[in-house]
Structure formats: C-alpha cells, structure tokens
Amino acid sequence: LAQKQKAQQDNIIISSLGNASEQEMLSIKPA
C-alpha cells in the first residue's frame, strides 16, 4: 500500500527461508 504512494517503487523479494528437516529441503518453495 505504501509503495502505491511512491513515485519510484522499491524492489521487493518475498520468500520462505530455512528448513526444519531434510524432507523440507527437497520441496519446491515458490517465491
């Protein structure tokens, strides 16, 4: 919402980070 008020919008990267187990490491995590 704040970005809509800016003349030049910022870059934003959204992602998950870290895994509790090896099984989680092998899965796809869309970003």
PDB file of all heavy atoms in Angstrom:
ATOM      1  N   LEU A   1       0.837  -1.201   0.000  1.00  0.00           N
ATOM      2  CA  LEU A   1       0.000   0.000   0.000  1.00  0.00           C
ATOM      3  C   LEU A   1       0.872   1.253   0.000  1.00  0.00           C
ATOM      4  O   LEU A   1       0.595   2.219  -0.724  1.00  0.00           O
ATOM      5  CB  LEU A   1      -0.932  -0.005   1.214  1.00  0.00           C
ATOM      6  CG  LEU A   1      -1.926   1.167   1.317  1.00  0.00           C
ATOM      7  CD1 LEU A   1      -2.872   1.168   0.115  1.00  0.00           C
ATOM      8  CD2 LEU A   1      -2.714   1.085   2.623  1.00  0.00           C
ATOM      9  N   ALA A   2       1.937   1.233   0.783  1.00  0.00           N
ATOM     10  CA  ALA A   2       2.841   2.382   0.841  1.00  0.00           C
ATOM     11  C   ALA A   2       3.552   2.591  -0.492  1.00  0.00           C
ATOM     12  O   ALA A   2       3.864   3.717  -0.874  1.00  0.00           O
ATOM     13  CB  ALA A   2       3.851   2.185   1.961  1.00  0.00           C
ATOM     14  N   GLN A   3       3.821   1.497  -1.216  1.00  0.00           N
ATOM     15  CA  GLN A   3       4.509   1.602  -2.494  1.00  0.00           C
ATOM     16  C   GLN A   3       3.681   2.369  -3.528  1.00  0.00           C
ATOM     17  O   GLN A   3       4.231   3.047  -4.400  1.00  0.00           O
ATOM     18  CB  GLN A   3       4.830   0.201  -3.042  1.00  0.00           C
ATOM     19  CG  GLN A   3       5.853  -0.571  -2.240  1.00  0.00           C
ATOM     20  CD  GLN A   3       7.224   0.072  -2.255  1.00  0.00           C
ATOM     21  OE1 GLN A   3       7.767   0.384  -3.306  1.00  0.00           O
ATOM     22  NE2 GLN A   3       7.783   0.294  -1.072  1.00  0.00           N
ATOM     23  N   LYS A   4       2.365   2.269  -3.410  1.00  0.00           N
ATOM     24  CA  LYS A   4       1.494   2.958  -4.371  1.00  0.00           C
ATOM     25  C   LYS A   4       1.613   4.477  -4.268  1.00  0.00           C
ATOM     26  O   LYS A   4       1.269   5.192  -5.210  1.00  0.00           O
ATOM     27  CB  LYS A   4       0.051   2.525  -4.157  1.00  0.00           C
ATOM     28  CG  LYS A   4      -0.206   1.053  -4.442  1.00  0.00           C
ATOM     29  CD  LYS A   4      -1.641   0.665  -4.167  1.00  0.00           C
ATOM     30  CE  LYS A   4      -1.881  -0.822  -4.433  1.00  0.00           C
ATOM     31  NZ  LYS A   4      -3.278  -1.229  -4.166  1.00  0.00           N
ATOM     32  N   GLN A   5       2.092   4.954  -3.118  1.00  0.00           N
ATOM     33  CA  GLN A   5       2.210   6.398  -2.916  1.00  0.00           C
ATOM     34  C   GLN A   5       3.560   6.924  -3.388  1.00  0.00           C
ATOM     35  O   GLN A   5       3.782   8.140  -3.381  1.00  0.00           O
ATOM     36  CB  GLN A   5       2.031   6.719  -1.420  1.00  0.00           C
ATOM     37  CG  GLN A   5       0.856   6.033  -0.745  1.00  0.00           C
ATOM     38  CD  GLN A   5      -0.473   6.341  -1.413  1.00  0.00           C
ATOM     39  OE1 GLN A   5      -0.703   7.489  -1.824  1.00  0.00           O
ATOM     40  NE2 GLN A   5      -1.345   5.340  -1.518  1.00  0.00           N
ATOM     41  N   LYS A   6       4.451   6.048  -3.800  1.00  0.00           N
ATOM     42  CA  LYS A   6       5.806   6.469  -4.157  1.00  0.00           C
ATOM     43  C   LYS A   6       5.936   6.680  -5.664  1.00  0.00           C
ATOM     44  O   LYS A   6       5.358   5.930  -6.473  1.00  0.00           O
ATOM     45  CB  LYS A   6       6.833   5.430  -3.691  1.00  0.00           C
ATOM     46  CG  LYS A   6       6.826   5.185  -2.182  1.00  0.00           C
ATOM     47  CD  LYS A   6       7.955   4.280  -1.755  1.00  0.00           C
ATOM     48  CE  LYS A   6       9.300   4.957  -1.936  1.00  0.00           C
ATOM     49  NZ  LYS A   6      10.393   4.174  -1.345  1.00  0.00           N
ATOM     50  N   ALA A   7       6.715   7.704  -6.038  1.00  0.00           N
ATOM     51  CA  ALA A   7       6.948   7.967  -7.453  1.00  0.00           C
ATOM     52  C   ALA A   7       7.779   6.856  -8.086  1.00  0.00           C
ATOM     53  O   ALA A   7       7.547   6.448  -9.220  1.00  0.00           O
ATOM     54  CB  ALA A   7       7.654   9.311  -7.613  1.00  0.00           C
ATOM     55  N   GLN A   8       8.759   6.375  -7.339  1.00  0.00           N
ATOM     56  CA  GLN A   8       9.587   5.261  -7.807  1.00  0.00           C
ATOM     57  C   GLN A   8       9.485   4.138  -6.789  1.00  0.00           C
ATOM     58  O   GLN A   8       9.981   4.249  -5.666  1.00  0.00           O
ATOM     59  CB  GLN A   8      11.044   5.690  -7.987  1.00  0.00           C
ATOM     60  CG  GLN A   8      11.899   4.588  -8.615  1.00  0.00           C
ATOM     61  CD  GLN A   8      13.299   5.070  -8.939  1.00  0.00           C
ATOM     62  OE1 GLN A   8      13.797   6.019  -8.346  1.00  0.00           O
ATOM     63  NE2 GLN A   8      13.948   4.431  -9.903  1.00  0.00           N
ATOM     64  N   GLN A   9       8.831   3.065  -7.186  1.00  0.00           N
ATOM     65  CA  GLN A   9       8.591   1.974  -6.252  1.00  0.00           C
ATOM     66  C   GLN A   9       9.870   1.184  -5.998  1.00  0.00           C
ATOM     67  O   GLN A   9      10.779   1.134  -6.823  1.00  0.00           O
ATOM     68  CB  GLN A   9       7.500   1.048  -6.788  1.00  0.00           C
ATOM     69  CG  GLN A   9       6.140   1.730  -6.905  1.00  0.00           C
ATOM     70  CD  GLN A   9       5.040   0.741  -7.241  1.00  0.00           C
ATOM     71  OE1 GLN A   9       5.225  -0.477  -7.151  1.00  0.00           O
ATOM     72  NE2 GLN A   9       3.883   1.260  -7.631  1.00  0.00           N
ATOM     73  N   ASP A  10       9.922   0.551  -4.822  1.00  0.00           N
ATOM     74  CA  ASP A  10      11.089  -0.226  -4.408  1.00  0.00           C
ATOM     75  C   ASP A  10      11.016  -1.648  -4.964  1.00  0.00           C
ATOM     76  O   ASP A  10       9.956  -2.130  -5.390  1.00  0.00           O
ATOM     77  CB  ASP A  10      11.181  -0.275  -2.885  1.00  0.00           C
ATOM     78  CG  ASP A  10      11.329   1.106  -2.271  1.00  0.00           C
ATOM     79  OD1 ASP A  10      12.117   1.899  -2.820  1.00  0.00           O
ATOM     80  OD2 ASP A  10      10.659   1.390  -1.253  1.00  0.00           O
ATOM     81  N   ASN A  11      12.141  -2.321  -4.919  1.00  0.00           N
ATOM     82  CA  ASN A  11      12.196  -3.740  -5.263  1.00  0.00           C
ATOM     83  C   ASN A  11      11.823  -4.546  -4.021  1.00  0.00           C
ATOM     84  O   ASN A  11      12.296  -4.252  -2.918  1.00  0.00           O
ATOM     85  CB  ASN A  11      13.596  -4.138  -5.732  1.00  0.00           C
ATOM     86  CG  ASN A  11      14.089  -3.253  -6.862  1.00  0.00           C
ATOM     87  OD1 ASN A  11      13.353  -2.965  -7.800  1.00  0.00           O
ATOM     88  ND2 ASN A  11      15.331  -2.809  -6.766  1.00  0.00           N
ATOM     89  N   ILE A  12      11.011  -5.569  -4.204  1.00  0.00           N
ATOM     90  CA  ILE A  12      10.577  -6.402  -3.075  1.00  0.00           C
ATOM     91  C   ILE A  12      10.739  -7.865  -3.454  1.00  0.00           C
ATOM     92  O   ILE A  12      10.311  -8.282  -4.538  1.00  0.00           O
ATOM     93  CB  ILE A  12       9.110  -6.112  -2.691  1.00  0.00           C
ATOM     94  CG1 ILE A  12       8.945  -4.637  -2.301  1.00  0.00           C
ATOM     95  CG2 ILE A  12       8.660  -7.023  -1.550  1.00  0.00           C
ATOM     96  CD1 ILE A  12       7.500  -4.232  -2.049  1.00  0.00           C
ATOM     97  N   ILE A  13      11.358  -8.626  -2.562  1.00  0.00           N
ATOM     98  CA  ILE A  13      11.530 -10.068  -2.758  1.00  0.00           C
ATOM     99  C   ILE A  13      10.853 -10.773  -1.591  1.00  0.00           C
ATOM    100  O   ILE A  13      11.110 -10.453  -0.426  1.00  0.00           O
ATOM    101  CB  ILE A  13      13.016 -10.453  -2.829  1.00  0.00           C
ATOM    102  CG1 ILE A  13      13.686  -9.734  -4.008  1.00  0.00           C
ATOM    103  CG2 ILE A  13      13.181 -11.970  -2.962  1.00  0.00           C
ATOM    104  CD1 ILE A  13      15.190  -9.927  -4.067  1.00  0.00           C
ATOM    105  N   ILE A  14       9.974 -11.720  -1.891  1.00  0.00           N
ATOM    106  CA  ILE A  14       9.214 -12.437  -0.861  1.00  0.00           C
ATOM    107  C   ILE A  14       9.510 -13.923  -0.999  1.00  0.00           C
ATOM    108  O   ILE A  14       9.360 -14.502  -2.083  1.00  0.00           O
ATOM    109  CB  ILE A  14       7.703 -12.184  -1.010  1.00  0.00           C
ATOM    110  CG1 ILE A  14       7.403 -10.677  -0.946  1.00  0.00           C
ATOM    111  CG2 ILE A  14       6.921 -12.915   0.074  1.00  0.00           C
ATOM    112  CD1 ILE A  14       5.977 -10.318  -1.297  1.00  0.00           C
ATOM    113  N   SER A  15       9.933 -14.539   0.100  1.00  0.00           N
ATOM    114  CA  SER A  15      10.334 -15.942   0.027  1.00  0.00           C
ATOM    115  C   SER A  15      10.294 -16.577   1.405  1.00  0.00           C
ATOM    116  O   SER A  15      10.285 -15.884   2.429  1.00  0.00           O
ATOM    117  CB  SER A  15      11.750 -16.052  -0.549  1.00  0.00           C
ATOM    118  OG  SER A  15      12.226 -17.375  -0.509  1.00  0.00           O
ATOM    119  N   SER A  16      10.276 -17.915   1.422  1.00  0.00           N
ATOM    120  CA  SER A  16      10.486 -18.664   2.663  1.00  0.00           C
ATOM    121  C   SER A  16      11.985 -18.807   2.893  1.00  0.00           C
ATOM    122  O   SER A  16      12.780 -18.711   1.952  1.00  0.00           O
ATOM    123  CB  SER A  16       9.837 -20.044   2.578  1.00  0.00           C
ATOM    124  OG  SER A  16       8.482 -19.946   2.217  1.00  0.00           O
ATOM    125  N   LEU A  17      12.362 -19.073   4.150  1.00  0.00           N
ATOM    126  CA  LEU A  17      13.789 -19.233   4.457  1.00  0.00           C
ATOM    127  C   LEU A  17      13.978 -20.270   5.544  1.00  0.00           C
ATOM    128  O   LEU A  17      13.433 -20.137   6.639  1.00  0.00           O
ATOM    129  CB  LEU A  17      14.401 -17.909   4.907  1.00  0.00           C
ATOM    130  CG  LEU A  17      15.917 -17.952   5.162  1.00  0.00           C
ATOM    131  CD1 LEU A  17      16.662 -18.025   3.830  1.00  0.00           C
ATOM    132  CD2 LEU A  17      16.387 -16.741   5.950  1.00  0.00           C
ATOM    133  N   GLY A  18      14.763 -21.291   5.248  1.00  0.00           N
ATOM    134  CA  GLY A  18      15.116 -22.286   6.259  1.00  0.00           C
ATOM    135  C   GLY A  18      14.196 -23.489   6.274  1.00  0.00           C
ATOM    136  O   GLY A  18      13.024 -23.415   5.888  1.00  0.00           O
ATOM    137  N   ASN A  19      14.748 -24.623   6.718  1.00  0.00           N
ATOM    138  CA  ASN A  19      14.008 -25.880   6.793  1.00  0.00           C
ATOM    139  C   ASN A  19      14.291 -26.562   8.118  1.00  0.00           C
ATOM    140  O   ASN A  19      15.414 -26.503   8.638  1.00  0.00           O
ATOM    141  CB  ASN A  19      14.423 -26.814   5.654  1.00  0.00           C
ATOM    142  CG  ASN A  19      14.182 -26.197   4.297  1.00  0.00           C
ATOM    143  OD1 ASN A  19      13.081 -26.224   3.770  1.00  0.00           O
ATOM    144  ND2 ASN A  19      15.231 -25.613   3.716  1.00  0.00           N
ATOM    145  N   ALA A  20      13.283 -27.212   8.647  1.00  0.00           N
ATOM    146  CA  ALA A  20      13.446 -27.923   9.907  1.00  0.00           C
ATOM    147  C   ALA A  20      13.933 -29.346   9.704  1.00  0.00           C
ATOM    148  O   ALA A  20      14.448 -29.967  10.632  1.00  0.00           O
ATOM    149  CB  ALA A  20      12.110 -27.943  10.666  1.00  0.00           C
ATOM    150  N   SER A  21      13.812 -29.878   8.481  1.00  0.00           N
ATOM    151  CA  SER A  21      14.212 -31.259   8.222  1.00  0.00           C
ATOM    152  C   SER A  21      14.713 -31.393   6.793  1.00  0.00           C
ATOM    153  O   SER A  21      14.495 -30.526   5.944  1.00  0.00           O
ATOM    154  CB  SER A  21      13.028 -32.211   8.435  1.00  0.00           C
ATOM    155  OG  SER A  21      12.014 -31.965   7.474  1.00  0.00           O
ATOM    156  N   GLU A  22      15.399 -32.524   6.523  1.00  0.00           N
ATOM    157  CA  GLU A  22      15.896 -32.779   5.180  1.00  0.00           C
ATOM    158  C   GLU A  22      14.758 -32.945   4.181  1.00  0.00           C
ATOM    159  O   GLU A  22      14.876 -32.588   3.013  1.00  0.00           O
ATOM    160  CB  GLU A  22      16.778 -34.028   5.173  1.00  0.00           C
ATOM    161  CG  GLU A  22      18.138 -33.824   5.816  1.00  0.00           C
ATOM    162  CD  GLU A  22      19.013 -35.050   5.703  1.00  0.00           C
ATOM    163  OE1 GLU A  22      18.472 -36.117   5.340  1.00  0.00           O
ATOM    164  OE2 GLU A  22      20.220 -34.956   5.975  1.00  0.00           O
ATOM    165  N   GLN A  23      13.623 -33.499   4.629  1.00  0.00           N
ATOM    166  CA  GLN A  23      12.492 -33.677   3.741  1.00  0.00           C
ATOM    167  C   GLN A  23      12.003 -32.340   3.206  1.00  0.00           C
ATOM    168  O   GLN A  23      11.657 -32.209   2.028  1.00  0.00           O
ATOM    169  CB  GLN A  23      11.354 -34.392   4.486  1.00  0.00           C
ATOM    170  CG  GLN A  23      10.205 -34.845   3.582  1.00  0.00           C
ATOM    171  CD  GLN A  23      10.621 -35.929   2.614  1.00  0.00           C
ATOM    172  OE1 GLN A  23      11.451 -36.777   2.935  1.00  0.00           O
ATOM    173  NE2 GLN A  23      10.062 -35.896   1.409  1.00  0.00           N
ATOM    174  N   GLU A  24      11.998 -31.309   4.070  1.00  0.00           N
ATOM    175  CA  GLU A  24      11.575 -29.979   3.634  1.00  0.00           C
ATOM    176  C   GLU A  24      12.562 -29.382   2.631  1.00  0.00           C
ATOM    177  O   GLU A  24      12.166 -28.618   1.750  1.00  0.00           O
ATOM    178  CB  GLU A  24      11.447 -29.042   4.840  1.00  0.00           C
ATOM    179  CG  GLU A  24      10.270 -29.361   5.747  1.00  0.00           C
ATOM    180  CD  GLU A  24      10.150 -28.344   6.865  1.00  0.00           C
ATOM    181  OE1 GLU A  24      10.734 -27.256   6.759  1.00  0.00           O
ATOM    182  OE2 GLU A  24       9.464 -28.654   7.854  1.00  0.00           O
ATOM    183  N   MET A  25      13.834 -29.719   2.745  1.00  0.00           N
ATOM    184  CA  MET A  25      14.839 -29.186   1.822  1.00  0.00           C
ATOM    185  C   MET A  25      14.566 -29.600   0.384  1.00  0.00           C
ATOM    186  O   MET A  25      14.970 -28.921  -0.546  1.00  0.00           O
ATOM    187  CB  MET A  25      16.236 -29.692   2.200  1.00  0.00           C
ATOM    188  CG  MET A  25      16.769 -29.214   3.512  1.00  0.00           C
ATOM    189  SD  MET A  25      18.419 -29.892   3.760  1.00  0.00           S
ATOM    190  CE  MET A  25      18.675 -29.521   5.489  1.00  0.00           C
ATOM    191  N   LEU A  26      13.900 -30.725   0.199  1.00  0.00           N
ATOM    192  CA  LEU A  26      13.724 -31.284  -1.130  1.00  0.00           C
ATOM    193  C   LEU A  26      12.463 -30.787  -1.819  1.00  0.00           C
ATOM    194  O   LEU A  26      12.175 -31.176  -2.945  1.00  0.00           O
ATOM    195  CB  LEU A  26      13.674 -32.817  -1.033  1.00  0.00           C
ATOM    196  CG  LEU A  26      14.906 -33.459  -0.391  1.00  0.00           C
ATOM    197  CD1 LEU A  26      14.690 -34.949  -0.202  1.00  0.00           C
ATOM    198  CD2 LEU A  26      16.143 -33.213  -1.226  1.00  0.00           C
ATOM    199  N   SER A  27      11.704 -29.932  -1.171  1.00  0.00           N
ATOM    200  CA  SER A  27      10.447 -29.464  -1.737  1.00  0.00           C
ATOM    201  C   SER A  27      10.611 -28.109  -2.422  1.00  0.00           C
ATOM    202  O   SER A  27      11.540 -27.351  -2.135  1.00  0.00           O
ATOM    203  CB  SER A  27       9.378 -29.359  -0.641  1.00  0.00           C
ATOM    204  OG  SER A  27       9.783 -28.436   0.348  1.00  0.00           O
ATOM    205  N   ILE A  28       9.679 -27.814  -3.313  1.00  0.00           N
ATOM    206  CA  ILE A  28       9.654 -26.528  -4.007  1.00  0.00           C
ATOM    207  C   ILE A  28       9.040 -25.475  -3.087  1.00  0.00           C
ATOM    208  O   ILE A  28       8.031 -25.726  -2.427  1.00  0.00           O
ATOM    209  CB  ILE A  28       8.828 -26.634  -5.304  1.00  0.00           C
ATOM    210  CG1 ILE A  28       9.506 -27.590  -6.280  1.00  0.00           C
ATOM    211  CG2 ILE A  28       8.642 -25.264  -5.950  1.00  0.00           C
ATOM    212  CD1 ILE A  28      10.850 -27.133  -6.763  1.00  0.00           C
ATOM    213  N   LYS A  29       9.654 -24.283  -3.044  1.00  0.00           N
ATOM    214  CA  LYS A  29       9.140 -23.182  -2.229  1.00  0.00           C
ATOM    215  C   LYS A  29       9.003 -21.951  -3.118  1.00  0.00           C
ATOM    216  O   LYS A  29       9.974 -21.202  -3.299  1.00  0.00           O
ATOM    217  CB  LYS A  29      10.080 -22.896  -1.054  1.00  0.00           C
ATOM    218  CG  LYS A  29      10.148 -24.037  -0.059  1.00  0.00           C
ATOM    219  CD  LYS A  29      10.942 -23.638   1.162  1.00  0.00           C
ATOM    220  CE  LYS A  29      10.875 -24.718   2.221  1.00  0.00           C
ATOM    221  NZ  LYS A  29      11.614 -24.336   3.439  1.00  0.00           N
ATOM    222  N   PRO A  30       7.836 -21.746  -3.696  1.00  0.00           N
ATOM    223  CA  PRO A  30       7.664 -20.625  -4.632  1.00  0.00           C
ATOM    224  C   PRO A  30       7.993 -19.285  -3.994  1.00  0.00           C
ATOM    225  O   PRO A  30       7.770 -19.071  -2.803  1.00  0.00           O
ATOM    226  CB  PRO A  30       6.188 -20.717  -5.024  1.00  0.00           C
ATOM    227  CG  PRO A  30       5.537 -21.497  -3.928  1.00  0.00           C
ATOM    228  CD  PRO A  30       6.579 -22.450  -3.430  1.00  0.00           C
ATOM    229  N   ALA A  31       8.544 -18.380  -4.778  1.00  0.00           N
ATOM    230  CA  ALA A  31       8.922 -17.053  -4.297  1.00  0.00           C
ATOM    231  C   ALA A  31       8.431 -16.011  -5.296  1.00  0.00           C
ATOM    232  O   ALA A  31       7.992 -16.339  -6.408  1.00  0.00           O
ATOM    233  CB  ALA A  31      10.439 -16.969  -4.114  1.00  0.00           C
TER     234      ALA A  31
END
